[in-house]
């Protein structure tokens, strides 16, 4: 399969004031496009041509660093745009809310631990809500790595590469992580992925 850049599911200015139009233009049109372009070039002539994106990501991990980095970042960003929505945050759908409370005790604790994972990820990377062995856990990964390559199913991820927040937050990564979980998350999409992950 060829990697293709998806259109954003909302206008470039739709996530303001928590994520600016300028950030989305650079992040989507330049950074994500570069992962797609490089990924397609690196895919040519490999055993992974014609495979699903998940198969490319998991198959190239530890074997083909260039292809892995670009295809994994493409996978991460395909979901990242959908993990956010205008007027995000707010109420979490029932079954997901129950699962989060079962896993973390309270929603506040889940949010606190999620923010902490993002803040303490050294350098570039991501922090995640991941379904692992039927339970929701919080994980973090460096660079483009994601839970798929560690046997998990990501249901929410936040990008803590500097290009994701530096225009809007400068070096205040904690404020960015807090704004993401409180005001940007599309919990309906997270719930959809959760349902698929536990089937």
N, C-alpha and C. Protein backbone atom coordinates (compact mmCIF):
# COMPACT_ATOMS: atom_id res chain seq x y z
N UNK A 1 0.84 -1.19 0.00
CA UNK A 1 0.00 0.00 0.00
C UNK A 1 0.88 1.24 0.00
N UNK A 2 0.41 2.27 -0.70
CA UNK A 2 1.16 3.53 -0.67
C UNK A 2 0.66 4.36 0.51
N UNK A 3 1.59 5.02 1.18
CA UNK A 3 1.21 5.91 2.28
C UNK A 3 0.66 7.20 1.69
N UNK A 4 -0.44 7.68 2.21
CA UNK A 4 -1.00 8.95 1.72
C UNK A 4 -1.35 9.85 2.89
N UNK A 5 -1.14 11.13 2.70
CA UNK A 5 -1.43 12.12 3.74
C UNK A 5 -2.94 12.35 3.81
N UNK A 6 -3.56 12.07 4.96
CA UNK A 6 -5.00 12.33 5.06
C UNK A 6 -5.26 13.82 5.25
N UNK A 7 -6.42 14.28 4.81
CA UNK A 7 -6.80 15.67 5.10
C UNK A 7 -7.11 15.77 6.60
N UNK A 8 -6.90 16.94 7.16
CA UNK A 8 -7.31 17.14 8.56
C UNK A 8 -8.82 17.01 8.65
N UNK A 9 -9.34 16.43 9.75
CA UNK A 9 -10.80 16.29 9.86
C UNK A 9 -11.50 17.56 10.34
N UNK A 10 -10.79 18.68 10.38
CA UNK A 10 -11.35 19.96 10.82
C UNK A 10 -10.50 21.06 10.19
N UNK A 11 -10.95 22.30 10.31
CA UNK A 11 -10.20 23.43 9.74
C UNK A 11 -8.91 23.65 10.53
N UNK A 12 -7.93 24.28 9.88
CA UNK A 12 -6.64 24.52 10.52
C UNK A 12 -6.76 25.36 11.80
N UNK A 13 -7.77 26.22 11.86
CA UNK A 13 -7.91 27.07 13.05
C UNK A 13 -8.92 26.53 14.06
N UNK A 14 -9.39 25.29 13.85
CA UNK A 14 -10.49 24.76 14.66
C UNK A 14 -10.10 24.38 16.09
N UNK A 15 -8.80 24.20 16.35
CA UNK A 15 -8.37 23.75 17.68
C UNK A 15 -7.84 24.91 18.53
N UNK A 16 -7.95 26.12 18.02
CA UNK A 16 -7.50 27.28 18.80
C UNK A 16 -8.42 27.47 20.01
N UNK A 17 -7.93 27.98 21.14
CA UNK A 17 -6.59 28.51 21.38
C UNK A 17 -5.56 27.46 21.83
N UNK A 18 -5.96 26.19 21.85
CA UNK A 18 -5.07 25.16 22.44
C UNK A 18 -4.02 24.66 21.46
N UNK A 19 -4.34 24.75 20.16
CA UNK A 19 -3.36 24.42 19.12
C UNK A 19 -3.63 25.37 17.96
N UNK A 20 -2.62 26.12 17.57
CA UNK A 20 -2.83 27.20 16.60
C UNK A 20 -2.87 26.69 15.16
N UNK A 21 -3.41 27.56 14.31
CA UNK A 21 -3.45 27.30 12.88
C UNK A 21 -2.03 27.09 12.35
N UNK A 22 -1.08 27.92 12.82
CA UNK A 22 0.31 27.83 12.37
C UNK A 22 0.91 26.46 12.73
N UNK A 23 0.65 26.00 13.95
CA UNK A 23 1.16 24.69 14.37
C UNK A 23 0.60 23.59 13.47
N UNK A 24 -0.70 23.61 13.22
CA UNK A 24 -1.31 22.57 12.39
C UNK A 24 -0.80 22.62 10.96
N UNK A 25 -0.61 23.81 10.42
CA UNK A 25 -0.09 23.92 9.05
C UNK A 25 1.30 23.30 8.95
N UNK A 26 2.17 23.63 9.89
CA UNK A 26 3.52 23.07 9.87
C UNK A 26 3.51 21.58 10.18
N UNK A 27 2.76 21.21 11.21
CA UNK A 27 2.79 19.82 11.69
C UNK A 27 2.18 18.87 10.66
N UNK A 28 1.02 19.22 10.13
CA UNK A 28 0.34 18.37 9.17
C UNK A 28 0.96 18.47 7.78
N UNK A 29 1.06 19.71 7.26
CA UNK A 29 1.46 19.89 5.86
C UNK A 29 2.94 19.64 5.61
N UNK A 30 3.78 19.91 6.62
CA UNK A 30 5.23 19.75 6.42
C UNK A 30 5.77 18.47 7.07
N UNK A 31 5.56 18.33 8.39
CA UNK A 31 6.14 17.18 9.10
C UNK A 31 5.48 15.86 8.69
N UNK A 32 4.15 15.80 8.75
CA UNK A 32 3.48 14.56 8.39
C UNK A 32 3.71 14.23 6.91
N UNK A 33 3.66 15.25 6.06
CA UNK A 33 3.92 15.02 4.63
C UNK A 33 5.31 14.43 4.41
N UNK A 34 6.29 14.89 5.19
CA UNK A 34 7.66 14.37 5.04
C UNK A 34 7.73 12.89 5.41
N UNK A 35 7.00 12.48 6.45
CA UNK A 35 6.98 11.05 6.82
C UNK A 35 6.38 10.21 5.69
N UNK A 36 5.33 10.74 5.06
CA UNK A 36 4.66 10.04 3.96
C UNK A 36 5.60 9.92 2.75
N UNK A 37 6.22 11.04 2.37
CA UNK A 37 7.12 11.04 1.21
C UNK A 37 8.31 10.12 1.43
N UNK A 38 8.97 10.28 2.58
CA UNK A 38 10.14 9.45 2.89
C UNK A 38 9.75 7.98 3.04
N UNK A 39 8.61 7.75 3.68
CA UNK A 39 8.13 6.38 3.88
C UNK A 39 7.89 5.67 2.56
N UNK A 40 7.26 6.36 1.61
CA UNK A 40 6.99 5.76 0.30
C UNK A 40 8.28 5.46 -0.45
N UNK A 41 9.26 6.36 -0.35
CA UNK A 41 10.54 6.13 -1.02
C UNK A 41 11.26 4.92 -0.43
N UNK A 42 11.19 4.80 0.90
CA UNK A 42 11.89 3.71 1.59
C UNK A 42 11.17 2.36 1.45
N UNK A 43 9.87 2.43 1.14
CA UNK A 43 9.05 1.22 0.99
C UNK A 43 9.33 0.50 -0.33
N UNK A 44 9.71 1.27 -1.34
CA UNK A 44 9.92 0.71 -2.68
C UNK A 44 10.95 -0.41 -2.67
N UNK A 45 10.55 -1.54 -3.26
CA UNK A 45 11.47 -2.66 -3.40
C UNK A 45 11.72 -3.47 -2.14
N UNK A 46 10.96 -3.19 -1.08
CA UNK A 46 11.13 -3.98 0.15
C UNK A 46 10.07 -5.07 0.22
N UNK A 47 10.26 -5.98 1.16
CA UNK A 47 9.28 -7.07 1.38
C UNK A 47 7.95 -6.54 1.91
N UNK A 48 7.93 -5.26 2.31
CA UNK A 48 6.71 -4.70 2.93
C UNK A 48 5.79 -4.02 1.94
N UNK A 49 6.21 -3.92 0.68
CA UNK A 49 5.34 -3.31 -0.34
C UNK A 49 4.02 -4.08 -0.40
N UNK A 50 2.92 -3.34 -0.44
CA UNK A 50 1.61 -3.99 -0.55
C UNK A 50 1.03 -4.46 0.77
N UNK A 51 1.78 -4.31 1.86
CA UNK A 51 1.27 -4.74 3.17
C UNK A 51 0.51 -3.60 3.85
N UNK A 52 -0.26 -3.95 4.88
CA UNK A 52 -1.01 -2.93 5.62
C UNK A 52 -0.01 -2.06 6.40
N UNK A 53 -0.46 -0.87 6.78
CA UNK A 53 0.41 0.04 7.52
C UNK A 53 0.88 -0.60 8.83
N UNK A 54 -0.03 -1.27 9.55
CA UNK A 54 0.35 -1.94 10.81
C UNK A 54 1.42 -3.00 10.56
N UNK A 55 1.29 -3.74 9.47
CA UNK A 55 2.27 -4.78 9.14
C UNK A 55 3.62 -4.17 8.78
N UNK A 56 3.59 -3.03 8.10
CA UNK A 56 4.85 -2.33 7.77
C UNK A 56 5.53 -1.87 9.06
N UNK A 57 4.75 -1.28 9.96
CA UNK A 57 5.31 -0.76 11.21
C UNK A 57 5.91 -1.89 12.05
N UNK A 58 5.13 -2.92 12.30
CA UNK A 58 5.61 -3.99 13.18
C UNK A 58 6.71 -4.82 12.50
N UNK A 59 6.60 -5.00 11.19
CA UNK A 59 7.59 -5.81 10.47
C UNK A 59 8.94 -5.13 10.31
N UNK A 60 8.93 -3.80 10.18
CA UNK A 60 10.19 -3.08 9.96
C UNK A 60 10.90 -2.73 11.27
N UNK A 61 10.19 -2.87 12.40
CA UNK A 61 10.77 -2.51 13.70
C UNK A 61 12.00 -3.37 13.98
N UNK A 62 13.13 -2.71 14.24
CA UNK A 62 14.36 -3.43 14.54
C UNK A 62 15.07 -3.99 13.31
N UNK A 63 14.47 -3.82 12.11
CA UNK A 63 15.06 -4.38 10.89
C UNK A 63 15.43 -3.32 9.87
N UNK A 64 14.56 -2.31 9.74
CA UNK A 64 14.76 -1.28 8.74
C UNK A 64 14.41 0.06 9.40
N UNK A 65 15.41 0.67 10.01
CA UNK A 65 15.17 1.86 10.86
C UNK A 65 14.51 3.01 10.11
N UNK A 66 14.98 3.29 8.91
CA UNK A 66 14.41 4.41 8.16
C UNK A 66 12.94 4.20 7.84
N UNK A 67 12.63 3.02 7.32
CA UNK A 67 11.24 2.71 6.98
C UNK A 67 10.38 2.69 8.24
N UNK A 68 10.91 2.10 9.31
CA UNK A 68 10.14 2.06 10.56
C UNK A 68 9.84 3.47 11.05
N UNK A 69 10.85 4.31 11.14
CA UNK A 69 10.66 5.66 11.69
C UNK A 69 9.58 6.42 10.93
N UNK A 70 9.62 6.35 9.61
CA UNK A 70 8.66 7.11 8.81
C UNK A 70 7.27 6.48 8.78
N UNK A 71 7.19 5.16 8.69
CA UNK A 71 5.87 4.51 8.66
C UNK A 71 5.21 4.58 10.03
N UNK A 72 6.00 4.44 11.10
CA UNK A 72 5.43 4.53 12.46
C UNK A 72 4.92 5.94 12.73
N UNK A 73 5.68 6.93 12.30
CA UNK A 73 5.23 8.31 12.50
C UNK A 73 3.97 8.59 11.66
N UNK A 74 3.89 7.99 10.48
CA UNK A 74 2.67 8.12 9.67
C UNK A 74 1.49 7.49 10.40
N UNK A 75 1.67 6.29 10.94
CA UNK A 75 0.61 5.63 11.71
C UNK A 75 0.19 6.51 12.90
N UNK A 76 1.18 6.99 13.65
CA UNK A 76 0.89 7.80 14.83
C UNK A 76 0.09 9.05 14.47
N UNK A 77 0.50 9.71 13.39
CA UNK A 77 -0.16 10.96 13.02
C UNK A 77 -1.53 10.74 12.37
N UNK A 78 -1.71 9.63 11.65
CA UNK A 78 -3.04 9.32 11.09
C UNK A 78 -4.08 9.33 12.21
N UNK A 79 -3.67 8.76 13.36
CA UNK A 79 -4.58 8.75 14.52
C UNK A 79 -4.57 10.07 15.28
N UNK A 80 -3.41 10.70 15.36
CA UNK A 80 -3.28 11.92 16.15
C UNK A 80 -4.30 12.97 15.74
N UNK A 81 -4.47 13.16 14.43
CA UNK A 81 -5.45 14.18 13.98
C UNK A 81 -6.86 13.81 14.43
N UNK A 82 -7.16 12.51 14.45
CA UNK A 82 -8.51 12.07 14.85
C UNK A 82 -8.66 12.04 16.38
N UNK A 83 -7.54 11.96 17.09
CA UNK A 83 -7.60 11.98 18.56
C UNK A 83 -7.95 13.35 19.10
N UNK A 84 -8.00 14.35 18.22
CA UNK A 84 -8.37 15.70 18.65
C UNK A 84 -9.62 16.15 17.90
N UNK A 85 -10.33 17.08 18.51
CA UNK A 85 -11.49 17.67 17.84
C UNK A 85 -11.74 19.05 18.44
N UNK A 86 -12.44 19.91 17.69
CA UNK A 86 -12.82 21.20 18.26
C UNK A 86 -13.69 20.96 19.49
N UNK A 87 -13.51 21.76 20.51
CA UNK A 87 -14.26 21.59 21.78
C UNK A 87 -14.12 20.17 22.32
N UNK A 88 -12.89 19.68 22.29
CA UNK A 88 -12.64 18.32 22.78
C UNK A 88 -12.60 18.27 24.31
N UNK A 89 -12.15 17.13 24.81
CA UNK A 89 -12.20 16.92 26.27
C UNK A 89 -13.62 16.60 26.67
N UNK A 90 -14.00 16.98 27.87
CA UNK A 90 -15.38 16.78 28.31
C UNK A 90 -15.71 15.34 28.65
N UNK A 91 -16.99 15.00 28.50
CA UNK A 91 -17.50 13.71 28.96
C UNK A 91 -16.91 12.54 28.18
N UNK A 92 -16.57 11.49 28.93
CA UNK A 92 -16.01 10.28 28.32
C UNK A 92 -17.13 9.25 28.21
N UNK A 93 -17.31 8.63 27.02
CA UNK A 93 -18.38 7.63 26.86
C UNK A 93 -18.31 6.53 27.92
N UNK A 94 -19.50 6.05 28.30
CA UNK A 94 -19.69 5.14 29.42
C UNK A 94 -18.74 3.96 29.60
N UNK A 95 -18.66 3.08 28.60
CA UNK A 95 -17.83 1.86 28.75
C UNK A 95 -16.36 2.22 28.90
N UNK A 96 -15.91 3.23 28.17
CA UNK A 96 -14.52 3.67 28.27
C UNK A 96 -14.28 4.30 29.63
N UNK A 97 -15.20 5.13 30.07
CA UNK A 97 -15.06 5.77 31.39
C UNK A 97 -14.92 4.72 32.49
N UNK A 98 -15.75 3.70 32.43
CA UNK A 98 -15.71 2.62 33.43
C UNK A 98 -14.35 1.90 33.38
N UNK A 99 -13.88 1.62 32.17
CA UNK A 99 -12.59 0.93 32.02
C UNK A 99 -11.44 1.78 32.55
N UNK A 100 -11.52 3.09 32.34
CA UNK A 100 -10.46 3.99 32.83
C UNK A 100 -10.48 4.05 34.35
N UNK A 101 -11.67 4.09 34.93
CA UNK A 101 -11.78 4.12 36.40
C UNK A 101 -11.30 2.79 36.99
N UNK A 102 -11.66 1.69 36.32
CA UNK A 102 -11.17 0.36 36.76
C UNK A 102 -9.65 0.31 36.74
N UNK A 103 -9.04 0.94 35.73
CA UNK A 103 -7.59 0.87 35.56
C UNK A 103 -6.82 1.85 36.45
N UNK A 104 -7.39 3.03 36.68
CA UNK A 104 -6.63 4.08 37.37
C UNK A 104 -7.24 4.55 38.70
N UNK A 105 -8.43 4.07 39.01
CA UNK A 105 -9.07 4.50 40.26
C UNK A 105 -9.99 5.69 40.04
N UNK A 106 -9.48 6.76 39.43
CA UNK A 106 -10.30 7.93 39.10
C UNK A 106 -9.84 8.49 37.75
N UNK A 107 -10.72 9.28 37.13
CA UNK A 107 -10.35 9.92 35.86
C UNK A 107 -9.25 10.96 36.09
N UNK A 108 -9.31 11.64 37.24
CA UNK A 108 -8.27 12.63 37.56
C UNK A 108 -6.90 11.97 37.63
N UNK A 109 -6.84 10.78 38.21
CA UNK A 109 -5.56 10.05 38.33
C UNK A 109 -5.06 9.65 36.94
N UNK A 110 -5.99 9.21 36.09
CA UNK A 110 -5.60 8.85 34.72
C UNK A 110 -4.99 10.06 34.02
N UNK A 111 -5.67 11.21 34.13
CA UNK A 111 -5.18 12.42 33.47
C UNK A 111 -3.83 12.85 34.02
N UNK A 112 -3.71 12.79 35.33
CA UNK A 112 -2.44 13.17 36.00
C UNK A 112 -1.29 12.27 35.54
N UNK A 113 -1.54 10.96 35.50
CA UNK A 113 -0.50 10.01 35.08
C UNK A 113 -0.17 10.16 33.59
N UNK A 114 -1.20 10.46 32.78
CA UNK A 114 -0.99 10.65 31.34
C UNK A 114 -0.11 11.89 31.11
N UNK A 115 -0.45 12.99 31.79
CA UNK A 115 0.35 14.22 31.67
C UNK A 115 1.79 13.96 32.11
N UNK A 116 1.93 13.28 33.24
CA UNK A 116 3.26 12.99 33.77
C UNK A 116 4.12 12.18 32.79
N UNK A 117 3.49 11.22 32.12
CA UNK A 117 4.22 10.40 31.12
C UNK A 117 4.73 11.28 29.99
N UNK A 118 3.92 12.25 29.56
CA UNK A 118 4.34 13.15 28.49
C UNK A 118 5.46 14.09 28.93
N UNK A 119 5.33 14.59 30.15
CA UNK A 119 6.32 15.54 30.68
C UNK A 119 7.67 14.84 30.88
N UNK A 120 7.64 13.58 31.30
CA UNK A 120 8.89 12.87 31.63
C UNK A 120 9.48 12.08 30.47
N UNK A 121 8.83 12.12 29.30
CA UNK A 121 9.43 11.49 28.12
C UNK A 121 10.61 12.34 27.69
N UNK A 122 11.82 11.82 27.87
CA UNK A 122 13.00 12.62 27.57
C UNK A 122 13.18 12.76 26.06
N UNK A 123 13.31 13.99 25.59
CA UNK A 123 13.48 14.22 24.16
C UNK A 123 12.17 13.98 23.40
N UNK A 124 12.29 13.67 22.13
CA UNK A 124 11.10 13.49 21.28
C UNK A 124 10.43 12.16 21.57
N UNK A 125 9.12 12.13 21.40
CA UNK A 125 8.40 10.87 21.58
C UNK A 125 6.90 11.08 21.73
N UNK A 126 6.26 10.09 22.33
CA UNK A 126 4.81 10.08 22.48
C UNK A 126 4.47 9.52 23.85
N UNK A 127 3.26 9.88 24.35
CA UNK A 127 2.73 9.18 25.53
C UNK A 127 1.33 8.68 25.18
N UNK A 128 0.98 7.54 25.79
CA UNK A 128 -0.16 6.75 25.28
C UNK A 128 -1.09 6.23 26.38
N UNK A 129 -2.36 6.07 25.99
CA UNK A 129 -3.26 5.13 26.67
C UNK A 129 -3.26 3.90 25.76
N UNK A 130 -2.89 2.77 26.34
CA UNK A 130 -2.69 1.55 25.58
C UNK A 130 -3.48 0.40 26.19
N UNK A 131 -4.12 -0.39 25.35
CA UNK A 131 -4.74 -1.62 25.84
C UNK A 131 -3.70 -2.73 25.75
N UNK A 132 -3.36 -3.25 26.91
CA UNK A 132 -2.35 -4.31 27.02
C UNK A 132 -2.93 -5.41 27.91
N UNK A 133 -3.03 -6.62 27.38
CA UNK A 133 -3.62 -7.74 28.14
C UNK A 133 -4.99 -7.38 28.72
N UNK A 134 -5.80 -6.71 27.89
CA UNK A 134 -7.17 -6.39 28.29
C UNK A 134 -7.33 -5.23 29.25
N UNK A 135 -6.23 -4.63 29.69
CA UNK A 135 -6.28 -3.52 30.64
C UNK A 135 -5.73 -2.26 29.99
N UNK A 136 -6.22 -1.09 30.43
CA UNK A 136 -5.69 0.17 29.90
C UNK A 136 -4.51 0.61 30.76
N UNK A 137 -3.37 0.83 30.11
CA UNK A 137 -2.17 1.28 30.82
C UNK A 137 -1.64 2.55 30.14
N UNK A 138 -0.82 3.30 30.87
CA UNK A 138 -0.17 4.48 30.30
C UNK A 138 1.27 4.12 30.00
N UNK A 139 1.68 4.41 28.77
CA UNK A 139 3.06 4.12 28.36
C UNK A 139 3.62 5.35 27.66
N UNK A 140 4.92 5.34 27.46
CA UNK A 140 5.56 6.39 26.67
C UNK A 140 6.63 5.75 25.81
N UNK A 141 6.89 6.35 24.66
CA UNK A 141 7.88 5.79 23.74
C UNK A 141 8.72 6.92 23.17
N UNK A 142 9.93 6.57 22.75
CA UNK A 142 10.84 7.56 22.15
C UNK A 142 10.58 7.66 20.65
N UNK A 143 10.86 8.84 20.12
CA UNK A 143 10.80 9.09 18.67
C UNK A 143 9.48 8.64 18.06
N UNK A 144 9.51 7.73 17.06
CA UNK A 144 8.27 7.31 16.40
C UNK A 144 7.71 6.00 16.91
N UNK A 145 8.38 5.40 17.90
CA UNK A 145 7.90 4.11 18.42
C UNK A 145 6.48 4.24 18.96
N UNK A 146 5.73 3.16 18.87
CA UNK A 146 4.38 3.17 19.42
C UNK A 146 4.06 1.82 20.06
N UNK A 147 2.94 1.72 20.77
CA UNK A 147 2.63 0.48 21.49
C UNK A 147 2.48 -0.76 20.61
N UNK A 148 2.20 -0.59 19.32
CA UNK A 148 2.04 -1.75 18.42
C UNK A 148 3.26 -2.67 18.49
N UNK A 149 4.46 -2.07 18.56
CA UNK A 149 5.68 -2.88 18.51
C UNK A 149 6.03 -3.48 19.87
N UNK A 150 5.22 -3.18 20.87
CA UNK A 150 5.42 -3.75 22.20
C UNK A 150 4.21 -4.60 22.62
N UNK A 151 3.44 -5.03 21.63
CA UNK A 151 2.30 -5.92 21.91
C UNK A 151 1.07 -5.23 22.45
N UNK A 152 1.01 -3.92 22.35
CA UNK A 152 -0.16 -3.18 22.85
C UNK A 152 -0.98 -2.60 21.71
N UNK A 153 -2.16 -2.10 22.06
CA UNK A 153 -3.01 -1.43 21.07
C UNK A 153 -3.24 0.01 21.55
N UNK A 154 -2.69 0.98 20.83
CA UNK A 154 -2.85 2.38 21.26
C UNK A 154 -4.28 2.86 21.05
N UNK A 155 -4.87 3.46 22.09
CA UNK A 155 -6.21 4.03 21.93
C UNK A 155 -6.20 5.56 22.05
N UNK A 156 -5.09 6.11 22.58
CA UNK A 156 -4.90 7.56 22.61
C UNK A 156 -3.40 7.83 22.68
N UNK A 157 -2.94 8.75 21.85
CA UNK A 157 -1.53 9.14 21.90
C UNK A 157 -1.38 10.63 21.72
N UNK A 158 -0.40 11.18 22.39
CA UNK A 158 -0.10 12.60 22.22
C UNK A 158 1.36 12.76 21.82
N UNK A 159 1.58 13.60 20.83
CA UNK A 159 2.89 13.84 20.24
C UNK A 159 3.64 14.87 21.08
N UNK A 160 4.78 14.48 21.67
CA UNK A 160 5.56 15.45 22.43
C UNK A 160 6.89 15.79 21.73
N UNK A 161 6.93 15.61 20.41
CA UNK A 161 8.02 16.21 19.63
C UNK A 161 7.82 17.73 19.71
N UNK A 162 8.92 18.48 19.69
CA UNK A 162 8.78 19.93 19.86
C UNK A 162 7.93 20.58 18.77
N UNK A 163 7.95 20.02 17.55
CA UNK A 163 7.16 20.65 16.49
C UNK A 163 5.67 20.61 16.78
N UNK A 164 5.26 19.77 17.73
CA UNK A 164 3.85 19.66 18.07
C UNK A 164 3.37 20.79 18.98
N UNK A 165 4.30 21.40 19.70
CA UNK A 165 3.85 22.39 20.68
C UNK A 165 4.69 23.66 20.80
N UNK A 166 5.87 23.72 20.17
CA UNK A 166 6.78 24.82 20.46
C UNK A 166 6.27 26.18 20.01
N UNK A 167 5.54 26.25 18.90
CA UNK A 167 5.00 27.53 18.44
C UNK A 167 4.04 28.10 19.49
N UNK A 168 3.22 27.23 20.08
CA UNK A 168 2.16 27.68 21.00
C UNK A 168 2.60 27.72 22.46
N UNK A 169 3.49 26.82 22.85
CA UNK A 169 3.80 26.69 24.29
C UNK A 169 5.27 26.90 24.61
N UNK A 170 6.10 27.12 23.57
CA UNK A 170 7.55 27.21 23.77
C UNK A 170 8.03 25.99 24.56
N UNK A 171 8.69 26.18 25.67
CA UNK A 171 9.23 25.03 26.41
C UNK A 171 8.29 24.50 27.48
N UNK A 172 7.03 24.95 27.48
CA UNK A 172 6.09 24.56 28.54
C UNK A 172 5.34 23.27 28.16
N UNK A 173 6.08 22.20 28.07
CA UNK A 173 5.46 20.92 27.70
C UNK A 173 4.35 20.51 28.68
N UNK A 174 4.51 20.72 30.00
CA UNK A 174 3.42 20.33 30.92
C UNK A 174 2.10 21.03 30.57
N UNK A 175 2.16 22.32 30.19
CA UNK A 175 0.92 23.05 29.84
C UNK A 175 0.30 22.48 28.57
N UNK A 176 1.14 22.11 27.62
CA UNK A 176 0.64 21.50 26.38
C UNK A 176 -0.04 20.16 26.67
N UNK A 177 0.60 19.31 27.45
CA UNK A 177 0.03 17.99 27.77
C UNK A 177 -1.30 18.13 28.51
N UNK A 178 -1.37 19.11 29.39
CA UNK A 178 -2.61 19.36 30.15
C UNK A 178 -3.71 19.86 29.21
N UNK A 179 -3.36 20.79 28.32
CA UNK A 179 -4.35 21.32 27.37
C UNK A 179 -4.87 20.21 26.45
N UNK A 180 -3.97 19.31 26.05
CA UNK A 180 -4.36 18.20 25.18
C UNK A 180 -5.43 17.34 25.85
N UNK A 181 -5.16 16.86 27.07
CA UNK A 181 -6.08 15.91 27.73
C UNK A 181 -7.37 16.60 28.19
N UNK A 182 -7.27 17.89 28.53
CA UNK A 182 -8.46 18.60 29.05
C UNK A 182 -9.34 19.19 27.95
N UNK A 183 -8.73 19.63 26.85
CA UNK A 183 -9.49 20.44 25.89
C UNK A 183 -9.48 19.95 24.44
N UNK A 184 -8.64 18.99 24.11
CA UNK A 184 -8.51 18.59 22.71
C UNK A 184 -8.97 17.17 22.40
N UNK A 185 -8.95 16.27 23.38
CA UNK A 185 -9.18 14.85 23.09
C UNK A 185 -10.59 14.59 22.57
N UNK A 186 -10.65 13.80 21.51
CA UNK A 186 -11.91 13.31 20.94
C UNK A 186 -12.19 11.95 21.59
N UNK A 187 -12.89 11.99 22.74
CA UNK A 187 -13.10 10.76 23.51
C UNK A 187 -13.96 9.73 22.77
N UNK A 188 -14.80 10.20 21.84
CA UNK A 188 -15.61 9.24 21.06
C UNK A 188 -14.71 8.35 20.19
N UNK A 189 -13.67 8.96 19.62
CA UNK A 189 -12.75 8.18 18.79
C UNK A 189 -11.93 7.22 19.66
N UNK A 190 -11.52 7.70 20.83
CA UNK A 190 -10.79 6.84 21.77
C UNK A 190 -11.67 5.64 22.15
N UNK A 191 -12.94 5.89 22.40
CA UNK A 191 -13.88 4.83 22.78
C UNK A 191 -14.04 3.80 21.66
N UNK A 192 -14.07 4.28 20.43
CA UNK A 192 -14.16 3.42 19.25
C UNK A 192 -12.95 2.46 19.19
N UNK A 193 -11.76 3.04 19.38
CA UNK A 193 -10.54 2.23 19.35
C UNK A 193 -10.48 1.26 20.54
N UNK A 194 -11.00 1.70 21.68
CA UNK A 194 -11.04 0.83 22.86
C UNK A 194 -11.92 -0.39 22.58
N UNK A 195 -13.10 -0.15 22.03
CA UNK A 195 -14.02 -1.26 21.72
C UNK A 195 -13.36 -2.25 20.76
N UNK A 196 -12.68 -1.72 19.74
CA UNK A 196 -12.00 -2.60 18.76
C UNK A 196 -10.85 -3.36 19.42
N UNK A 197 -10.17 -2.73 20.37
CA UNK A 197 -8.99 -3.34 21.01
C UNK A 197 -9.35 -4.49 21.94
N UNK A 198 -10.56 -4.46 22.51
CA UNK A 198 -10.92 -5.51 23.48
C UNK A 198 -11.71 -6.65 22.85
N UNK A 199 -11.97 -6.54 21.55
CA UNK A 199 -12.73 -7.60 20.85
C UNK A 199 -11.89 -8.87 20.73
